[in-house]
């Protein structure tokens, strides 16, 4: 089962708003930024993988895995949440 494309963030302004207005938590390999916006239903997410992570094949694999994690846990994500996940080396 795929996540609908309406949940994916695509515009750089959306990513910038979450980074600017939301809160973030950093781990060793991942940064998660969250913004709670009641106007957004049910939730939205965006993925960022920079070139430091490796060639395109690796970055795409990382994005597929992150999308799968979001898909599996979408019932636990609070409606109105806007998530940005940044993979890092």
PDB file of N, CA and C in Angstrom:
ATOM      1  N   UNK A   1       0.838  -1.184   0.000  1.00  0.00           N
ATOM      2  CA  UNK A   1       0.000   0.000   0.000  1.00  0.00           C
ATOM      3  C   UNK A   1       0.882   1.246   0.000  1.00  0.00           C
ATOM      4  N   UNK A   2       0.621   2.158  -0.897  1.00  0.00           N
ATOM      5  CA  UNK A   2       1.381   3.394  -1.002  1.00  0.00           C
ATOM      6  C   UNK A   2       0.731   4.507  -0.192  1.00  0.00           C
ATOM      7  N   UNK A   3       1.543   5.462   0.192  1.00  0.00           N
ATOM      8  CA  UNK A   3       1.016   6.673   0.805  1.00  0.00           C
ATOM      9  C   UNK A   3       0.528   7.594  -0.309  1.00  0.00           C
ATOM     10  N   UNK A   4      -0.599   8.242  -0.145  1.00  0.00           N
ATOM     11  CA  UNK A   4      -1.086   9.138  -1.188  1.00  0.00           C
ATOM     12  C   UNK A   4      -0.126  10.310  -1.407  1.00  0.00           C
ATOM     13  N   UNK A   5      -0.010  10.746  -2.637  1.00  0.00           N
ATOM     14  CA  UNK A   5       0.915  11.836  -2.946  1.00  0.00           C
ATOM     15  C   UNK A   5       0.493  13.149  -2.281  1.00  0.00           C
ATOM     16  N   UNK A   6      -0.761  13.259  -1.872  1.00  0.00           N
ATOM     17  CA  UNK A   6      -1.212  14.482  -1.199  1.00  0.00           C
ATOM     18  C   UNK A   6      -0.537  14.668   0.164  1.00  0.00           C
ATOM     19  N   UNK A   7       0.041  13.606   0.716  1.00  0.00           N
ATOM     20  CA  UNK A   7       0.725  13.701   2.006  1.00  0.00           C
ATOM     21  C   UNK A   7       2.175  14.178   1.855  1.00  0.00           C
ATOM     22  N   UNK A   8       2.728  14.072   0.653  1.00  0.00           N
ATOM     23  CA  UNK A   8       4.120  14.428   0.417  1.00  0.00           C
ATOM     24  C   UNK A   8       4.273  15.937   0.261  1.00  0.00           C
ATOM     25  N   UNK A   9       5.253  16.500   0.943  1.00  0.00           N
ATOM     26  CA  UNK A   9       5.568  17.912   0.757  1.00  0.00           C
ATOM     27  C   UNK A   9       6.530  18.017  -0.420  1.00  0.00           C
ATOM     28  N   UNK A  10       6.354  19.043  -1.252  1.00  0.00           N
ATOM     29  CA  UNK A  10       7.184  19.173  -2.439  1.00  0.00           C
ATOM     30  C   UNK A  10       7.839  20.543  -2.565  1.00  0.00           C
ATOM     31  N   UNK A  11       7.251  21.571  -1.994  1.00  0.00           N
ATOM     32  CA  UNK A  11       7.748  22.932  -2.169  1.00  0.00           C
ATOM     33  C   UNK A  11       8.773  23.286  -1.097  1.00  0.00           C
ATOM     34  N   UNK A  12       9.816  23.962  -1.516  1.00  0.00           N
ATOM     35  CA  UNK A  12      10.883  24.324  -0.582  1.00  0.00           C
ATOM     36  C   UNK A  12      10.379  25.261   0.513  1.00  0.00           C
ATOM     37  N   UNK A  13       9.374  26.073   0.218  1.00  0.00           N
ATOM     38  CA  UNK A  13       8.816  26.965   1.232  1.00  0.00           C
ATOM     39  C   UNK A  13       8.173  26.210   2.373  1.00  0.00           C
ATOM     40  N   UNK A  14       7.551  25.072   2.063  1.00  0.00           N
ATOM     41  CA  UNK A  14       6.947  24.242   3.115  1.00  0.00           C
ATOM     42  C   UNK A  14       8.028  23.683   4.036  1.00  0.00           C
ATOM     43  N   UNK A  15       9.118  23.197   3.434  1.00  0.00           N
ATOM     44  CA  UNK A  15      10.220  22.660   4.228  1.00  0.00           C
ATOM     45  C   UNK A  15      10.817  23.750   5.112  1.00  0.00           C
ATOM     46  N   UNK A  16      11.029  24.932   4.539  1.00  0.00           N
ATOM     47  CA  UNK A  16      11.620  26.038   5.286  1.00  0.00           C
ATOM     48  C   UNK A  16      10.729  26.462   6.448  1.00  0.00           C
ATOM     49  N   UNK A  17       9.428  26.470   6.233  1.00  0.00           N
ATOM     50  CA  UNK A  17       8.492  26.863   7.304  1.00  0.00           C
ATOM     51  C   UNK A  17       8.567  25.893   8.476  1.00  0.00           C
ATOM     52  N   UNK A  18       8.625  24.597   8.201  1.00  0.00           N
ATOM     53  CA  UNK A  18       8.711  23.606   9.275  1.00  0.00           C
ATOM     54  C   UNK A  18      10.016  23.774  10.037  1.00  0.00           C
ATOM     55  N   UNK A  19      11.125  23.976   9.309  1.00  0.00           N
ATOM     56  CA  UNK A  19      12.414  24.154   9.980  1.00  0.00           C
ATOM     57  C   UNK A  19      12.439  25.444  10.806  1.00  0.00           C
ATOM     58  N   UNK A  20      11.787  26.497  10.307  1.00  0.00           N
ATOM     59  CA  UNK A  20      11.819  27.800  10.972  1.00  0.00           C
ATOM     60  C   UNK A  20      10.875  27.855  12.173  1.00  0.00           C
ATOM     61  N   UNK A  21       9.637  27.354  12.010  1.00  0.00           N
ATOM     62  CA  UNK A  21       8.615  27.520  13.042  1.00  0.00           C
ATOM     63  C   UNK A  21       8.434  26.297  13.936  1.00  0.00           C
ATOM     64  N   UNK A  22       8.877  25.137  13.474  1.00  0.00           N
ATOM     65  CA  UNK A  22       8.660  23.913  14.235  1.00  0.00           C
ATOM     66  C   UNK A  22       9.783  23.621  15.207  1.00  0.00           C
ATOM     67  N   UNK A  23       9.668  22.481  15.855  1.00  0.00           N
ATOM     68  CA  UNK A  23      10.721  22.031  16.759  1.00  0.00           C
ATOM     69  C   UNK A  23      11.411  20.825  16.121  1.00  0.00           C
ATOM     70  N   UNK A  24      12.651  20.593  16.525  1.00  0.00           N
ATOM     71  CA  UNK A  24      13.380  19.483  15.927  1.00  0.00           C
ATOM     72  C   UNK A  24      14.135  18.696  16.985  1.00  0.00           C
ATOM     73  N   UNK A  25      14.378  17.442  16.645  1.00  0.00           N
ATOM     74  CA  UNK A  25      15.170  16.559  17.493  1.00  0.00           C
ATOM     75  C   UNK A  25      16.156  15.854  16.582  1.00  0.00           C
ATOM     76  N   UNK A  26      17.401  15.780  17.039  1.00  0.00           N
ATOM     77  CA  UNK A  26      18.458  15.194  16.218  1.00  0.00           C
ATOM     78  C   UNK A  26      18.980  13.912  16.846  1.00  0.00           C
ATOM     79  N   UNK A  27      19.190  12.945  15.992  1.00  0.00           N
ATOM     80  CA  UNK A  27      19.827  11.701  16.385  1.00  0.00           C
ATOM     81  C   UNK A  27      21.115  11.549  15.594  1.00  0.00           C
ATOM     82  N   UNK A  28      21.716  10.380  15.670  1.00  0.00           N
ATOM     83  CA  UNK A  28      22.984  10.163  14.989  1.00  0.00           C
ATOM     84  C   UNK A  28      22.835  10.206  13.471  1.00  0.00           C
ATOM     85  N   UNK A  29      21.784   9.603  12.932  1.00  0.00           N
ATOM     86  CA  UNK A  29      21.618   9.501  11.494  1.00  0.00           C
ATOM     87  C   UNK A  29      20.384  10.203  10.960  1.00  0.00           C
ATOM     88  N   UNK A  30      19.668  10.918  11.828  1.00  0.00           N
ATOM     89  CA  UNK A  30      18.386  11.466  11.410  1.00  0.00           C
ATOM     90  C   UNK A  30      18.068  12.728  12.201  1.00  0.00           C
ATOM     91  N   UNK A  31      17.466  13.694  11.539  1.00  0.00           N
ATOM     92  CA  UNK A  31      16.913  14.881  12.203  1.00  0.00           C
ATOM     93  C   UNK A  31      15.435  14.902  11.874  1.00  0.00           C
ATOM     94  N   UNK A  32      14.598  15.071  12.868  1.00  0.00           N
ATOM     95  CA  UNK A  32      13.160  15.126  12.670  1.00  0.00           C
ATOM     96  C   UNK A  32      12.664  16.492  13.121  1.00  0.00           C
ATOM     97  N   UNK A  33      12.060  17.229  12.199  1.00  0.00           N
ATOM     98  CA  UNK A  33      11.460  18.529  12.513  1.00  0.00           C
ATOM     99  C   UNK A  33       9.950  18.373  12.430  1.00  0.00           C
ATOM    100  N   UNK A  34       9.241  18.922  13.420  1.00  0.00           N
ATOM    101  CA  UNK A  34       7.784  18.776  13.500  1.00  0.00           C
ATOM    102  C   UNK A  34       7.152  20.137  13.723  1.00  0.00           C
ATOM    103  N   UNK A  35       6.078  20.379  12.982  1.00  0.00           N
ATOM    104  CA  UNK A  35       5.279  21.584  13.153  1.00  0.00           C
ATOM    105  C   UNK A  35       3.825  21.143  13.258  1.00  0.00           C
ATOM    106  N   UNK A  36       3.120  21.622  14.262  1.00  0.00           N
ATOM    107  CA  UNK A  36       1.700  21.290  14.412  1.00  0.00           C
ATOM    108  C   UNK A  36       0.878  22.412  13.794  1.00  0.00           C
ATOM    109  N   UNK A  37       0.150  22.080  12.744  1.00  0.00           N
ATOM    110  CA  UNK A  37      -0.660  23.040  11.995  1.00  0.00           C
ATOM    111  C   UNK A  37      -2.063  22.476  11.875  1.00  0.00           C
ATOM    112  N   UNK A  38      -3.028  23.003  12.627  1.00  0.00           N
ATOM    113  CA  UNK A  38      -4.389  22.469  12.597  1.00  0.00           C
ATOM    114  C   UNK A  38      -5.050  22.548  11.222  1.00  0.00           C
ATOM    115  N   UNK A  39      -4.545  23.410  10.341  1.00  0.00           N
ATOM    116  CA  UNK A  39      -5.119  23.526   9.003  1.00  0.00           C
ATOM    117  C   UNK A  39      -4.778  22.325   8.125  1.00  0.00           C
ATOM    118  N   UNK A  40      -3.784  21.541   8.521  1.00  0.00           N
ATOM    119  CA  UNK A  40      -3.344  20.392   7.734  1.00  0.00           C
ATOM    120  C   UNK A  40      -4.055  19.144   8.235  1.00  0.00           C
ATOM    121  N   UNK A  41      -4.689  18.421   7.330  1.00  0.00           N
ATOM    122  CA  UNK A  41      -5.313  17.154   7.706  1.00  0.00           C
ATOM    123  C   UNK A  41      -4.990  16.122   6.654  1.00  0.00           C
ATOM    124  N   UNK A  42      -4.707  14.908   6.950  1.00  0.00           N
ATOM    125  CA  UNK A  42      -4.458  14.383   8.285  1.00  0.00           C
ATOM    126  C   UNK A  42      -3.053  14.713   8.779  1.00  0.00           C
ATOM    127  N   UNK A  43      -2.019  14.573   7.938  1.00  0.00           N
ATOM    128  CA  UNK A  43      -0.665  15.003   8.248  1.00  0.00           C
ATOM    129  C   UNK A  43       0.068  15.105   6.919  1.00  0.00           C
ATOM    130  N   UNK A  44       1.247  15.742   6.948  1.00  0.00           N
ATOM    131  CA  UNK A  44       2.090  15.824   5.744  1.00  0.00           C
ATOM    132  C   UNK A  44       3.524  15.537   6.154  1.00  0.00           C
ATOM    133  N   UNK A  45       4.328  15.097   5.192  1.00  0.00           N
ATOM    134  CA  UNK A  45       5.720  14.821   5.498  1.00  0.00           C
ATOM    135  C   UNK A  45       6.602  15.116   4.297  1.00  0.00           C
ATOM    136  N   UNK A  46       7.864  15.373   4.586  1.00  0.00           N
ATOM    137  CA  UNK A  46       8.864  15.596   3.553  1.00  0.00           C
ATOM    138  C   UNK A  46      10.156  14.926   3.957  1.00  0.00           C
ATOM    139  N   UNK A  47      10.911  14.461   2.977  1.00  0.00           N
ATOM    140  CA  UNK A  47      12.170  13.778   3.224  1.00  0.00           C
ATOM    141  C   UNK A  47      13.298  14.539   2.548  1.00  0.00           C
ATOM    142  N   UNK A  48      14.412  14.677   3.249  1.00  0.00           N
ATOM    143  CA  UNK A  48      15.596  15.331   2.695  1.00  0.00           C
ATOM    144  C   UNK A  48      16.770  14.369   2.861  1.00  0.00           C
ATOM    145  N   UNK A  49      17.431  14.092   1.763  1.00  0.00           N
ATOM    146  CA  UNK A  49      18.650  13.279   1.805  1.00  0.00           C
ATOM    147  C   UNK A  49      19.699  13.996   0.968  1.00  0.00           C
ATOM    148  N   UNK A  50      20.747  14.448   1.609  1.00  0.00           N
ATOM    149  CA  UNK A  50      21.799  15.185   0.918  1.00  0.00           C
ATOM    150  C   UNK A  50      22.808  14.258   0.263  1.00  0.00           C
ATOM    151  N   UNK A  51      23.659  14.840  -0.553  1.00  0.00           N
ATOM    152  CA  UNK A  51      24.641  14.053  -1.294  1.00  0.00           C
ATOM    153  C   UNK A  51      25.718  13.435  -0.410  1.00  0.00           C
ATOM    154  N   UNK A  52      25.857  13.919   0.819  1.00  0.00           N
ATOM    155  CA  UNK A  52      26.825  13.316   1.733  1.00  0.00           C
ATOM    156  C   UNK A  52      26.467  11.875   2.078  1.00  0.00           C
ATOM    157  N   UNK A  53      25.197  11.503   1.892  1.00  0.00           N
ATOM    158  CA  UNK A  53      24.756  10.142   2.217  1.00  0.00           C
ATOM    159  C   UNK A  53      25.238   9.119   1.209  1.00  0.00           C
ATOM    160  N   UNK A  54      25.688   9.559   0.052  1.00  0.00           N
ATOM    161  CA  UNK A  54      26.199   8.621  -0.937  1.00  0.00           C
ATOM    162  C   UNK A  54      25.589   8.865  -2.302  1.00  0.00           C
ATOM    163  N   UNK A  55      25.811   7.906  -3.199  1.00  0.00           N
ATOM    164  CA  UNK A  55      25.274   8.057  -4.551  1.00  0.00           C
ATOM    165  C   UNK A  55      23.747   7.963  -4.565  1.00  0.00           C
ATOM    166  N   UNK A  56      23.158   8.282  -5.697  1.00  0.00           N
ATOM    167  CA  UNK A  56      21.698   8.336  -5.827  1.00  0.00           C
ATOM    168  C   UNK A  56      21.023   7.039  -5.403  1.00  0.00           C
ATOM    169  N   UNK A  57      21.647   5.915  -5.699  1.00  0.00           N
ATOM    170  CA  UNK A  57      21.053   4.623  -5.342  1.00  0.00           C
ATOM    171  C   UNK A  57      20.878   4.520  -3.831  1.00  0.00           C
ATOM    172  N   UNK A  58      21.883   4.925  -3.078  1.00  0.00           N
ATOM    173  CA  UNK A  58      21.811   4.879  -1.613  1.00  0.00           C
ATOM    174  C   UNK A  58      20.776   5.865  -1.079  1.00  0.00           C
ATOM    175  N   UNK A  59      20.781   7.093  -1.622  1.00  0.00           N
ATOM    176  CA  UNK A  59      19.817   8.103  -1.160  1.00  0.00           C
ATOM    177  C   UNK A  59      18.390   7.653  -1.421  1.00  0.00           C
ATOM    178  N   UNK A  60      18.140   7.050  -2.583  1.00  0.00           N
ATOM    179  CA  UNK A  60      16.801   6.559  -2.895  1.00  0.00           C
ATOM    180  C   UNK A  60      16.409   5.415  -1.971  1.00  0.00           C
ATOM    181  N   UNK A  61      17.339   4.551  -1.643  1.00  0.00           N
ATOM    182  CA  UNK A  61      17.058   3.447  -0.724  1.00  0.00           C
ATOM    183  C   UNK A  61      16.687   3.993   0.652  1.00  0.00           C
ATOM    184  N   UNK A  62      17.414   4.996   1.109  1.00  0.00           N
ATOM    185  CA  UNK A  62      17.121   5.615   2.405  1.00  0.00           C
ATOM    186  C   UNK A  62      15.722   6.236   2.389  1.00  0.00           C
ATOM    187  N   UNK A  63      15.382   6.943   1.304  1.00  0.00           N
ATOM    188  CA  UNK A  63      14.048   7.546   1.195  1.00  0.00           C
ATOM    189  C   UNK A  63      12.947   6.485   1.188  1.00  0.00           C
ATOM    190  N   UNK A  64      13.165   5.378   0.486  1.00  0.00           N
ATOM    191  CA  UNK A  64      12.167   4.299   0.471  1.00  0.00           C
ATOM    192  C   UNK A  64      11.955   3.743   1.871  1.00  0.00           C
ATOM    193  N   UNK A  65      13.031   3.563   2.602  1.00  0.00           N
ATOM    194  CA  UNK A  65      12.911   3.031   3.965  1.00  0.00           C
ATOM    195  C   UNK A  65      12.200   4.013   4.886  1.00  0.00           C
ATOM    196  N   UNK A  66      12.507   5.289   4.759  1.00  0.00           N
ATOM    197  CA  UNK A  66      11.837   6.292   5.589  1.00  0.00           C
ATOM    198  C   UNK A  66      10.354   6.365   5.261  1.00  0.00           C
ATOM    199  N   UNK A  67       9.998   6.304   3.970  1.00  0.00           N
ATOM    200  CA  UNK A  67       8.577   6.302   3.592  1.00  0.00           C
ATOM    201  C   UNK A  67       7.863   5.083   4.161  1.00  0.00           C
ATOM    202  N   UNK A  68       8.528   3.941   4.171  1.00  0.00           N
ATOM    203  CA  UNK A  68       7.923   2.723   4.708  1.00  0.00           C
ATOM    204  C   UNK A  68       7.683   2.864   6.215  1.00  0.00           C
ATOM    205  N   UNK A  69       8.623   3.461   6.918  1.00  0.00           N
ATOM    206  CA  UNK A  69       8.455   3.680   8.363  1.00  0.00           C
ATOM    207  C   UNK A  69       7.255   4.590   8.606  1.00  0.00           C
ATOM    208  N   UNK A  70       7.144   5.658   7.827  1.00  0.00           N
ATOM    209  CA  UNK A  70       6.007   6.575   7.976  1.00  0.00           C
ATOM    210  C   UNK A  70       4.706   5.854   7.654  1.00  0.00           C
ATOM    211  N   UNK A  71       4.707   5.039   6.595  1.00  0.00           N
ATOM    212  CA  UNK A  71       3.495   4.317   6.214  1.00  0.00           C
ATOM    213  C   UNK A  71       3.052   3.374   7.321  1.00  0.00           C
ATOM    214  N   UNK A  72       4.003   2.647   7.924  1.00  0.00           N
ATOM    215  CA  UNK A  72       3.663   1.690   8.978  1.00  0.00           C
ATOM    216  C   UNK A  72       3.125   2.371  10.231  1.00  0.00           C
ATOM    217  N   UNK A  73       3.577   3.572  10.506  1.00  0.00           N
ATOM    218  CA  UNK A  73       3.209   4.265  11.750  1.00  0.00           C
ATOM    219  C   UNK A  73       2.259   5.431  11.527  1.00  0.00           C
ATOM    220  N   UNK A  74       1.638   5.517  10.363  1.00  0.00           N
ATOM    221  CA  UNK A  74       0.785   6.668  10.077  1.00  0.00           C
ATOM    222  C   UNK A  74      -0.406   6.778  11.014  1.00  0.00           C
ATOM    223  N   UNK A  75      -0.886   5.674  11.559  1.00  0.00           N
ATOM    224  CA  UNK A  75      -2.017   5.733  12.492  1.00  0.00           C
ATOM    225  C   UNK A  75      -1.616   6.413  13.807  1.00  0.00           C
ATOM    226  N   UNK A  76      -0.332   6.418  14.134  1.00  0.00           N
ATOM    227  CA  UNK A  76       0.150   7.014  15.378  1.00  0.00           C
ATOM    228  C   UNK A  76       0.516   8.491  15.224  1.00  0.00           C
ATOM    229  N   UNK A  77       0.573   8.977  13.995  1.00  0.00           N
ATOM    230  CA  UNK A  77       0.952  10.365  13.758  1.00  0.00           C
ATOM    231  C   UNK A  77      -0.278  11.250  13.959  1.00  0.00           C
ATOM    232  N   UNK A  78      -0.124  12.254  14.790  1.00  0.00           N
ATOM    233  CA  UNK A  78      -1.236  13.130  15.152  1.00  0.00           C
ATOM    234  C   UNK A  78      -1.696  13.947  13.944  1.00  0.00           C
ATOM    235  N   UNK A  79      -3.002  13.989  13.690  1.00  0.00           N
ATOM    236  CA  UNK A  79      -3.508  14.825  12.588  1.00  0.00           C
ATOM    237  C   UNK A  79      -3.088  16.277  12.792  1.00  0.00           C
ATOM    238  N   UNK A  80      -2.732  16.930  11.713  1.00  0.00           N
ATOM    239  CA  UNK A  80      -2.272  18.305  11.785  1.00  0.00           C
ATOM    240  C   UNK A  80      -0.771  18.435  11.933  1.00  0.00           C
ATOM    241  N   UNK A  81      -0.063  17.308  11.946  1.00  0.00           N
ATOM    242  CA  UNK A  81       1.389  17.348  12.054  1.00  0.00           C
ATOM    243  C   UNK A  81       2.010  17.490  10.676  1.00  0.00           C
ATOM    244  N   UNK A  82       3.083  18.269  10.631  1.00  0.00           N
ATOM    245  CA  UNK A  82       3.870  18.395   9.414  1.00  0.00           C
ATOM    246  C   UNK A  82       5.280  17.957   9.792  1.00  0.00           C
ATOM    247  N   UNK A  83       5.775  16.902   9.152  1.00  0.00           N
ATOM    248  CA  UNK A  83       7.054  16.304   9.514  1.00  0.00           C
ATOM    249  C   UNK A  83       8.074  16.514   8.410  1.00  0.00           C
ATOM    250  N   UNK A  84       9.293  16.831   8.780  1.00  0.00           N
ATOM    251  CA  UNK A  84      10.413  16.858   7.846  1.00  0.00           C
ATOM    252  C   UNK A  84      11.485  15.963   8.434  1.00  0.00           C
ATOM    253  N   UNK A  85      11.889  14.968   7.664  1.00  0.00           N
ATOM    254  CA  UNK A  85      12.921  14.043   8.095  1.00  0.00           C
ATOM    255  C   UNK A  85      14.162  14.273   7.258  1.00  0.00           C
ATOM    256  N   UNK A  86      15.289  14.503   7.917  1.00  0.00           N
ATOM    257  CA  UNK A  86      16.544  14.788   7.228  1.00  0.00           C
ATOM    258  C   UNK A  86      17.530  13.675   7.564  1.00  0.00           C
ATOM    259  N   UNK A  87      17.936  12.944   6.537  1.00  0.00           N
ATOM    260  CA  UNK A  87      18.954  11.917   6.723  1.00  0.00           C
ATOM    261  C   UNK A  87      20.320  12.580   6.727  1.00  0.00           C
ATOM    262  N   UNK A  88      21.210  12.126   7.581  1.00  0.00           N
ATOM    263  CA  UNK A  88      22.551  12.721   7.616  1.00  0.00           C
ATOM    264  C   UNK A  88      23.584  11.643   7.886  1.00  0.00           C
ATOM    265  N   UNK A  89      24.792  11.975   7.584  1.00  0.00           N
ATOM    266  CA  UNK A  89      25.907  11.043   7.699  1.00  0.00           C
ATOM    267  C   UNK A  89      26.525  11.106   9.048  1.00  0.00           C
TER     268      UNK A  89
END
